[in-house]
N, C-alpha and C. Protein backbone atom coordinates (compact mmCIF):
# COMPACT_ATOMS: atom_id res chain seq x y z
N MET A 1 13.76 -12.08 0.17
CA MET A 1 12.55 -11.44 -0.30
C MET A 1 12.42 -11.64 -1.80
N GLU A 2 11.32 -12.23 -2.19
CA GLU A 2 11.04 -12.39 -3.61
C GLU A 2 9.69 -11.77 -3.92
N LEU A 3 9.72 -10.77 -4.79
CA LEU A 3 8.50 -10.07 -5.16
C LEU A 3 7.72 -10.87 -6.19
N PRO A 4 6.38 -10.73 -6.22
CA PRO A 4 5.61 -11.38 -7.27
C PRO A 4 5.99 -10.82 -8.64
N ALA A 5 5.72 -11.58 -9.68
CA ALA A 5 6.14 -11.21 -11.03
C ALA A 5 5.13 -10.28 -11.70
N ILE A 6 5.66 -9.27 -12.37
CA ILE A 6 4.82 -8.38 -13.16
C ILE A 6 4.16 -9.18 -14.28
N GLY A 7 2.87 -8.92 -14.51
CA GLY A 7 2.11 -9.63 -15.53
C GLY A 7 1.35 -10.81 -14.97
N GLU A 8 1.69 -11.24 -13.77
CA GLU A 8 0.98 -12.35 -13.11
C GLU A 8 -0.16 -11.80 -12.26
N ALA A 9 -1.07 -12.70 -11.88
CA ALA A 9 -2.16 -12.30 -10.99
C ALA A 9 -1.57 -11.88 -9.65
N ALA A 10 -2.05 -10.76 -9.13
CA ALA A 10 -1.60 -10.29 -7.82
C ALA A 10 -2.08 -11.28 -6.76
N PRO A 11 -1.23 -11.61 -5.80
CA PRO A 11 -1.67 -12.52 -4.74
C PRO A 11 -2.89 -11.93 -4.00
N THR A 12 -3.90 -12.76 -3.82
CA THR A 12 -5.12 -12.29 -3.18
C THR A 12 -5.00 -12.37 -1.66
N PHE A 13 -5.79 -11.56 -1.00
CA PHE A 13 -5.76 -11.53 0.46
C PHE A 13 -7.03 -10.87 0.98
N THR A 14 -7.25 -11.05 2.26
CA THR A 14 -8.27 -10.32 3.01
C THR A 14 -7.62 -9.83 4.29
N LEU A 15 -7.73 -8.53 4.54
CA LEU A 15 -7.23 -7.92 5.78
C LEU A 15 -8.32 -6.99 6.32
N VAL A 16 -8.24 -6.65 7.59
CA VAL A 16 -9.19 -5.69 8.14
C VAL A 16 -8.62 -4.28 8.03
N ASN A 17 -9.54 -3.33 7.80
CA ASN A 17 -9.13 -1.93 7.70
C ASN A 17 -9.26 -1.23 9.04
N GLN A 18 -9.08 0.09 9.03
CA GLN A 18 -9.10 0.87 10.25
C GLN A 18 -10.48 0.90 10.91
N ARG A 19 -11.51 0.48 10.21
CA ARG A 19 -12.86 0.38 10.78
C ARG A 19 -13.19 -1.05 11.18
N ASN A 20 -12.15 -1.89 11.16
CA ASN A 20 -12.27 -3.31 11.49
C ASN A 20 -13.18 -4.07 10.52
N GLU A 21 -13.24 -3.59 9.27
CA GLU A 21 -14.03 -4.22 8.22
C GLU A 21 -13.09 -5.03 7.32
N PRO A 22 -13.54 -6.20 6.88
CA PRO A 22 -12.68 -6.98 5.96
C PRO A 22 -12.60 -6.31 4.58
N VAL A 23 -11.39 -6.27 4.05
CA VAL A 23 -11.16 -5.75 2.70
C VAL A 23 -10.49 -6.87 1.92
N LYS A 24 -11.13 -7.25 0.81
CA LYS A 24 -10.62 -8.33 -0.03
C LYS A 24 -10.11 -7.74 -1.35
N LEU A 25 -8.90 -8.09 -1.71
CA LEU A 25 -8.35 -7.59 -2.97
C LEU A 25 -9.24 -7.98 -4.15
N GLU A 26 -9.74 -9.20 -4.14
CA GLU A 26 -10.53 -9.65 -5.29
C GLU A 26 -11.84 -8.88 -5.46
N ASP A 27 -12.29 -8.16 -4.43
CA ASP A 27 -13.51 -7.35 -4.57
C ASP A 27 -13.34 -6.20 -5.55
N PHE A 28 -12.11 -5.83 -5.85
CA PHE A 28 -11.85 -4.73 -6.78
C PHE A 28 -11.70 -5.22 -8.23
N ARG A 29 -11.55 -6.53 -8.39
CA ARG A 29 -11.33 -7.09 -9.72
C ARG A 29 -12.51 -6.77 -10.63
N GLY A 30 -12.21 -6.29 -11.82
CA GLY A 30 -13.23 -5.93 -12.79
C GLY A 30 -13.83 -4.55 -12.54
N LYS A 31 -13.42 -3.89 -11.45
CA LYS A 31 -14.01 -2.60 -11.10
C LYS A 31 -13.00 -1.46 -11.00
N LYS A 32 -11.89 -1.72 -10.31
CA LYS A 32 -10.92 -0.66 -10.01
C LYS A 32 -9.49 -1.16 -10.15
N ASN A 33 -8.59 -0.23 -10.50
CA ASN A 33 -7.16 -0.46 -10.36
C ASN A 33 -6.85 -0.27 -8.88
N VAL A 34 -5.79 -0.90 -8.43
CA VAL A 34 -5.42 -0.81 -7.01
C VAL A 34 -3.97 -0.39 -6.87
N VAL A 35 -3.76 0.63 -6.03
CA VAL A 35 -2.41 0.99 -5.59
C VAL A 35 -2.26 0.36 -4.21
N LEU A 36 -1.48 -0.70 -4.15
CA LEU A 36 -1.25 -1.43 -2.90
C LEU A 36 0.13 -1.04 -2.40
N TYR A 37 0.13 -0.22 -1.34
CA TYR A 37 1.45 0.21 -0.87
C TYR A 37 1.69 -0.27 0.55
N PHE A 38 2.90 -0.75 0.76
CA PHE A 38 3.33 -1.26 2.06
C PHE A 38 4.20 -0.19 2.71
N TYR A 39 3.93 0.08 3.98
CA TYR A 39 4.70 1.08 4.71
C TYR A 39 5.02 0.53 6.10
N PRO A 40 6.14 0.95 6.69
CA PRO A 40 6.61 0.34 7.93
C PRO A 40 5.78 0.60 9.19
N LYS A 41 5.36 1.86 9.42
CA LYS A 41 4.70 2.14 10.69
C LYS A 41 3.89 3.43 10.62
N ALA A 42 2.62 3.34 10.97
CA ALA A 42 1.74 4.50 10.97
C ALA A 42 2.26 5.58 11.91
N MET A 43 2.03 6.82 11.53
CA MET A 43 2.33 8.01 12.32
C MET A 43 3.82 8.32 12.47
N THR A 44 4.64 7.70 11.64
CA THR A 44 6.05 8.07 11.61
C THR A 44 6.23 9.11 10.48
N PRO A 45 7.27 9.92 10.53
CA PRO A 45 7.38 11.02 9.57
C PRO A 45 7.28 10.63 8.09
N GLY A 46 8.05 9.64 7.65
CA GLY A 46 8.01 9.25 6.24
C GLY A 46 6.67 8.66 5.84
N CYS A 47 6.09 7.87 6.72
CA CYS A 47 4.80 7.25 6.43
C CYS A 47 3.70 8.30 6.37
N LYS A 48 3.81 9.32 7.20
CA LYS A 48 2.84 10.42 7.19
C LYS A 48 2.91 11.16 5.85
N VAL A 49 4.11 11.53 5.42
CA VAL A 49 4.29 12.25 4.16
C VAL A 49 3.73 11.44 3.00
N GLN A 50 4.05 10.16 2.96
CA GLN A 50 3.58 9.29 1.89
C GLN A 50 2.06 9.20 1.89
N ALA A 51 1.46 8.96 3.04
CA ALA A 51 0.01 8.82 3.14
C ALA A 51 -0.72 10.11 2.77
N CYS A 52 -0.20 11.24 3.24
CA CYS A 52 -0.85 12.51 2.95
C CYS A 52 -0.77 12.86 1.47
N GLY A 53 0.32 12.50 0.82
CA GLY A 53 0.42 12.72 -0.62
C GLY A 53 -0.65 11.94 -1.37
N LEU A 54 -0.87 10.70 -0.97
CA LEU A 54 -1.91 9.88 -1.61
C LEU A 54 -3.31 10.41 -1.25
N ARG A 55 -3.47 10.85 -0.02
CA ARG A 55 -4.75 11.44 0.41
C ARG A 55 -5.11 12.61 -0.50
N ASP A 56 -4.14 13.46 -0.78
CA ASP A 56 -4.38 14.66 -1.57
C ASP A 56 -4.61 14.37 -3.05
N ARG A 57 -4.29 13.17 -3.49
CA ARG A 57 -4.50 12.78 -4.89
C ARG A 57 -5.75 11.92 -5.09
N LYS A 58 -6.55 11.76 -4.04
CA LYS A 58 -7.69 10.84 -4.12
C LYS A 58 -8.59 11.16 -5.31
N SER A 59 -8.97 12.41 -5.51
CA SER A 59 -9.91 12.73 -6.59
C SER A 59 -9.32 12.43 -7.97
N SER A 60 -8.05 12.74 -8.17
CA SER A 60 -7.45 12.44 -9.49
C SER A 60 -7.29 10.94 -9.69
N LEU A 61 -7.00 10.19 -8.62
CA LEU A 61 -6.90 8.74 -8.74
C LEU A 61 -8.28 8.11 -8.99
N GLU A 62 -9.30 8.67 -8.36
CA GLU A 62 -10.66 8.16 -8.61
C GLU A 62 -11.04 8.33 -10.08
N LYS A 63 -10.64 9.43 -10.69
CA LYS A 63 -10.92 9.66 -12.12
C LYS A 63 -10.21 8.61 -12.99
N LEU A 64 -9.16 8.00 -12.44
CA LEU A 64 -8.43 6.94 -13.15
C LEU A 64 -8.91 5.55 -12.70
N ASP A 65 -10.10 5.50 -12.08
CA ASP A 65 -10.68 4.24 -11.58
C ASP A 65 -9.70 3.49 -10.67
N THR A 66 -9.08 4.22 -9.76
CA THR A 66 -8.04 3.64 -8.92
C THR A 66 -8.32 3.90 -7.44
N VAL A 67 -8.13 2.86 -6.63
CA VAL A 67 -8.23 2.99 -5.17
C VAL A 67 -6.85 2.76 -4.57
N VAL A 68 -6.68 3.28 -3.35
CA VAL A 68 -5.43 3.12 -2.62
C VAL A 68 -5.69 2.24 -1.41
N LEU A 69 -4.79 1.27 -1.19
CA LEU A 69 -4.81 0.44 0.00
C LEU A 69 -3.42 0.51 0.62
N GLY A 70 -3.34 0.98 1.86
CA GLY A 70 -2.06 1.03 2.57
C GLY A 70 -1.98 -0.13 3.54
N VAL A 71 -0.86 -0.84 3.56
CA VAL A 71 -0.70 -2.02 4.43
C VAL A 71 0.50 -1.83 5.34
N SER A 72 0.28 -2.07 6.64
CA SER A 72 1.37 -2.02 7.61
C SER A 72 1.13 -3.08 8.67
N PRO A 73 2.14 -3.37 9.49
CA PRO A 73 1.96 -4.35 10.56
C PRO A 73 1.29 -3.75 11.81
N ASP A 74 0.77 -2.54 11.70
CA ASP A 74 0.15 -1.88 12.84
C ASP A 74 -1.18 -2.51 13.22
N PRO A 75 -1.51 -2.49 14.51
CA PRO A 75 -2.84 -2.95 14.93
C PRO A 75 -3.90 -1.93 14.50
N VAL A 76 -5.13 -2.38 14.43
CA VAL A 76 -6.24 -1.53 13.99
C VAL A 76 -6.32 -0.24 14.80
N ALA A 77 -6.13 -0.32 16.11
CA ALA A 77 -6.23 0.87 16.96
C ALA A 77 -5.26 1.97 16.51
N ARG A 78 -4.06 1.60 16.11
CA ARG A 78 -3.08 2.60 15.64
C ARG A 78 -3.51 3.18 14.29
N LEU A 79 -4.10 2.35 13.44
CA LEU A 79 -4.57 2.82 12.14
C LEU A 79 -5.71 3.82 12.30
N VAL A 80 -6.57 3.60 13.28
CA VAL A 80 -7.66 4.54 13.57
C VAL A 80 -7.09 5.91 13.91
N LYS A 81 -6.07 5.92 14.75
CA LYS A 81 -5.44 7.18 15.16
C LYS A 81 -4.76 7.86 13.97
N PHE A 82 -4.09 7.08 13.14
CA PHE A 82 -3.39 7.61 11.96
C PHE A 82 -4.40 8.26 11.01
N GLU A 83 -5.49 7.56 10.75
CA GLU A 83 -6.52 8.09 9.86
C GLU A 83 -7.08 9.40 10.39
N ALA A 84 -7.41 9.43 11.68
CA ALA A 84 -8.00 10.63 12.28
C ALA A 84 -7.02 11.80 12.30
N LYS A 85 -5.79 11.53 12.70
CA LYS A 85 -4.79 12.59 12.83
C LYS A 85 -4.47 13.24 11.49
N GLU A 86 -4.38 12.42 10.44
CA GLU A 86 -3.97 12.92 9.12
C GLU A 86 -5.14 13.09 8.14
N HIS A 87 -6.36 12.86 8.60
CA HIS A 87 -7.56 12.99 7.76
C HIS A 87 -7.44 12.16 6.48
N LEU A 88 -7.02 10.91 6.67
CA LEU A 88 -6.81 10.03 5.51
C LEU A 88 -8.16 9.58 4.95
N ASN A 89 -8.20 9.34 3.65
CA ASN A 89 -9.45 9.05 2.96
C ASN A 89 -9.37 7.76 2.14
N PHE A 90 -8.59 6.81 2.62
CA PHE A 90 -8.49 5.52 1.96
C PHE A 90 -8.27 4.46 3.03
N ASP A 91 -8.40 3.19 2.62
CA ASP A 91 -8.27 2.10 3.58
C ASP A 91 -6.83 1.86 3.99
N LEU A 92 -6.64 1.75 5.30
CA LEU A 92 -5.38 1.33 5.90
C LEU A 92 -5.61 -0.08 6.41
N LEU A 93 -4.79 -1.02 6.01
CA LEU A 93 -5.01 -2.42 6.34
C LEU A 93 -3.98 -2.91 7.35
N SER A 94 -4.48 -3.65 8.32
CA SER A 94 -3.64 -4.17 9.40
C SER A 94 -3.15 -5.58 9.05
N ASP A 95 -1.85 -5.73 8.99
CA ASP A 95 -1.20 -7.00 8.68
C ASP A 95 -0.24 -7.35 9.82
N GLU A 96 -0.81 -7.49 11.03
CA GLU A 96 0.01 -7.66 12.23
C GLU A 96 0.92 -8.88 12.18
N ASP A 97 0.46 -9.96 11.57
CA ASP A 97 1.30 -11.16 11.50
C ASP A 97 2.18 -11.17 10.25
N HIS A 98 2.13 -10.11 9.49
CA HIS A 98 2.86 -9.87 8.24
C HIS A 98 2.68 -10.98 7.21
N ALA A 99 1.55 -11.67 7.24
CA ALA A 99 1.28 -12.74 6.27
C ALA A 99 1.18 -12.19 4.84
N VAL A 100 0.51 -11.05 4.67
CA VAL A 100 0.37 -10.46 3.33
C VAL A 100 1.71 -9.86 2.89
N ALA A 101 2.43 -9.26 3.82
CA ALA A 101 3.76 -8.74 3.49
C ALA A 101 4.67 -9.87 3.02
N ASP A 102 4.57 -11.03 3.67
CA ASP A 102 5.34 -12.21 3.24
C ASP A 102 4.90 -12.64 1.84
N LEU A 103 3.59 -12.65 1.61
CA LEU A 103 3.02 -13.06 0.33
C LEU A 103 3.55 -12.19 -0.82
N TYR A 104 3.73 -10.91 -0.53
CA TYR A 104 4.21 -9.96 -1.55
C TYR A 104 5.73 -9.79 -1.53
N GLY A 105 6.40 -10.49 -0.63
CA GLY A 105 7.86 -10.44 -0.60
C GLY A 105 8.44 -9.16 -0.06
N VAL A 106 7.66 -8.43 0.77
CA VAL A 106 8.14 -7.15 1.28
C VAL A 106 8.56 -7.21 2.74
N TRP A 107 8.48 -8.38 3.37
CA TRP A 107 8.92 -8.55 4.75
C TRP A 107 10.32 -9.15 4.73
N GLY A 108 11.25 -8.50 5.42
CA GLY A 108 12.60 -9.04 5.44
C GLY A 108 13.54 -8.20 6.27
N PRO A 109 14.83 -8.52 6.22
CA PRO A 109 15.82 -7.83 7.04
C PRO A 109 15.97 -6.36 6.65
N LYS A 110 16.09 -5.53 7.67
CA LYS A 110 16.27 -4.09 7.49
C LYS A 110 17.35 -3.61 8.46
N LYS A 111 17.90 -2.45 8.17
CA LYS A 111 18.86 -1.81 9.08
C LYS A 111 18.38 -0.39 9.35
N PHE A 112 18.45 -0.01 10.62
CA PHE A 112 18.09 1.35 10.99
C PHE A 112 18.93 1.75 12.20
N MET A 113 19.68 2.81 12.04
CA MET A 113 20.54 3.32 13.12
C MET A 113 21.45 2.23 13.69
N GLY A 114 22.03 1.44 12.80
CA GLY A 114 22.97 0.40 13.20
C GLY A 114 22.34 -0.86 13.75
N ARG A 115 21.03 -0.89 13.78
CA ARG A 115 20.33 -2.06 14.32
C ARG A 115 19.73 -2.85 13.16
N GLU A 116 19.80 -4.17 13.24
CA GLU A 116 19.19 -5.04 12.22
C GLU A 116 17.96 -5.70 12.80
N PHE A 117 16.91 -5.76 11.97
CA PHE A 117 15.65 -6.37 12.39
C PHE A 117 14.84 -6.72 11.15
N ASP A 118 13.80 -7.51 11.32
CA ASP A 118 12.88 -7.82 10.23
C ASP A 118 11.73 -6.83 10.25
N GLY A 119 11.30 -6.42 9.07
CA GLY A 119 10.19 -5.48 8.97
C GLY A 119 9.73 -5.34 7.55
N ILE A 120 8.75 -4.47 7.35
CA ILE A 120 8.18 -4.21 6.02
C ILE A 120 9.08 -3.23 5.27
N HIS A 121 9.36 -3.57 4.03
CA HIS A 121 10.06 -2.67 3.13
C HIS A 121 9.03 -1.81 2.41
N ARG A 122 9.32 -0.56 2.24
CA ARG A 122 8.41 0.40 1.61
C ARG A 122 8.39 0.14 0.10
N ILE A 123 7.40 -0.60 -0.35
CA ILE A 123 7.28 -0.98 -1.76
C ILE A 123 5.82 -0.83 -2.17
N THR A 124 5.59 -0.40 -3.42
CA THR A 124 4.24 -0.20 -3.94
C THR A 124 4.01 -1.08 -5.15
N PHE A 125 2.80 -1.64 -5.21
CA PHE A 125 2.37 -2.49 -6.32
C PHE A 125 1.17 -1.83 -6.98
N ILE A 126 1.18 -1.78 -8.30
CA ILE A 126 0.03 -1.27 -9.05
C ILE A 126 -0.61 -2.46 -9.75
N ILE A 127 -1.88 -2.66 -9.44
CA ILE A 127 -2.64 -3.82 -9.92
C ILE A 127 -3.77 -3.29 -10.80
N ASP A 128 -3.93 -3.88 -11.98
CA ASP A 128 -4.97 -3.40 -12.88
C ASP A 128 -6.33 -4.01 -12.55
N LYS A 129 -7.34 -3.60 -13.30
CA LYS A 129 -8.71 -4.05 -13.05
C LYS A 129 -8.89 -5.55 -13.24
N LYS A 130 -8.01 -6.16 -14.00
CA LYS A 130 -8.08 -7.61 -14.21
C LYS A 130 -7.45 -8.38 -13.05
N GLY A 131 -6.84 -7.65 -12.12
CA GLY A 131 -6.16 -8.30 -11.00
C GLY A 131 -4.72 -8.68 -11.29
N LEU A 132 -4.18 -8.13 -12.38
CA LEU A 132 -2.79 -8.43 -12.75
C LEU A 132 -1.84 -7.38 -12.19
N LEU A 133 -0.71 -7.84 -11.73
CA LEU A 133 0.32 -6.94 -11.25
C LEU A 133 0.98 -6.28 -12.45
N ARG A 134 0.89 -4.95 -12.52
CA ARG A 134 1.39 -4.23 -13.69
C ARG A 134 2.68 -3.46 -13.45
N HIS A 135 2.94 -3.06 -12.20
CA HIS A 135 4.12 -2.25 -11.94
C HIS A 135 4.50 -2.36 -10.46
N ILE A 136 5.80 -2.29 -10.19
CA ILE A 136 6.29 -2.30 -8.81
C ILE A 136 7.23 -1.10 -8.64
N ILE A 137 6.99 -0.34 -7.59
CA ILE A 137 7.89 0.76 -7.25
C ILE A 137 8.68 0.29 -6.04
N GLU A 138 9.94 -0.06 -6.28
CA GLU A 138 10.79 -0.58 -5.21
C GLU A 138 11.55 0.53 -4.50
N LYS A 139 11.87 1.58 -5.20
CA LYS A 139 12.60 2.71 -4.62
C LYS A 139 11.59 3.84 -4.43
N VAL A 140 10.93 3.86 -3.28
CA VAL A 140 9.89 4.84 -3.01
C VAL A 140 10.50 6.07 -2.35
N ASN A 141 10.23 7.21 -2.92
CA ASN A 141 10.55 8.49 -2.30
C ASN A 141 9.24 8.98 -1.69
N THR A 142 9.18 9.05 -0.38
CA THR A 142 7.90 9.38 0.28
C THR A 142 7.35 10.73 -0.15
N LYS A 143 8.21 11.67 -0.49
CA LYS A 143 7.76 13.02 -0.87
C LYS A 143 7.15 13.08 -2.26
N THR A 144 7.54 12.17 -3.14
CA THR A 144 7.04 12.21 -4.53
C THR A 144 6.29 10.94 -4.93
N HIS A 145 6.04 10.07 -3.98
CA HIS A 145 5.39 8.79 -4.25
C HIS A 145 4.06 8.98 -4.99
N HIS A 146 3.25 9.90 -4.55
CA HIS A 146 1.95 10.14 -5.17
C HIS A 146 2.11 10.54 -6.65
N ASP A 147 3.15 11.32 -6.96
CA ASP A 147 3.41 11.69 -8.36
C ASP A 147 3.81 10.46 -9.17
N GLN A 148 4.70 9.62 -8.60
CA GLN A 148 5.13 8.39 -9.29
C GLN A 148 3.91 7.52 -9.61
N VAL A 149 3.06 7.35 -8.64
CA VAL A 149 1.88 6.48 -8.79
C VAL A 149 0.96 7.01 -9.88
N GLU A 150 0.58 8.27 -9.75
CA GLU A 150 -0.37 8.84 -10.70
C GLU A 150 0.20 8.85 -12.12
N SER A 151 1.45 9.23 -12.26
CA SER A 151 2.09 9.28 -13.56
C SER A 151 2.11 7.89 -14.21
N TRP A 152 2.48 6.87 -13.42
CA TRP A 152 2.55 5.54 -14.00
C TRP A 152 1.17 5.05 -14.42
N ILE A 153 0.16 5.29 -13.62
CA ILE A 153 -1.19 4.84 -13.95
C ILE A 153 -1.66 5.53 -15.23
N LYS A 154 -1.40 6.83 -15.36
CA LYS A 154 -1.80 7.55 -16.56
C LYS A 154 -1.13 7.02 -17.82
N SER A 155 0.14 6.66 -17.71
CA SER A 155 0.88 6.22 -18.89
C SER A 155 0.88 4.71 -19.07
N GLY A 156 0.71 3.95 -17.99
CA GLY A 156 0.88 2.51 -18.07
C GLY A 156 -0.38 1.69 -18.10
N LEU A 157 -1.51 2.29 -17.72
CA LEU A 157 -2.77 1.50 -17.72
C LEU A 157 -3.76 2.02 -18.74
């Protein structure tokens, strides 16, 4: 796994969201900062906590000209359920073939309960309005992730 370099242009992509609409990273360039966070699986306990924390910070992030995009390998149908169940208020993007996860270097070997498999690593990228990668959170604590994100944007952008 090799992550993109801070200070470089964030790799561009187009994925569909939970409404099956295309979302292009470059559409935010010149308009909004982007919190691009990768999570393993919708509706699991850690992913729920992380998503709900970001949901609850939407208004303060909007004041910082920032949008949130969550990316997982889940199919659109699962993202629809996740959004409805947790009342999420940001785009959840489906990366079923993990092409974008590969692009960002977050797809790779994992261990869980003694089992090894390939999957998405929980990593967050903060991209500025110019489309440059400004910060990477590699050690995500799902309970305080929203605080980490907001604090860094306030001090770093």
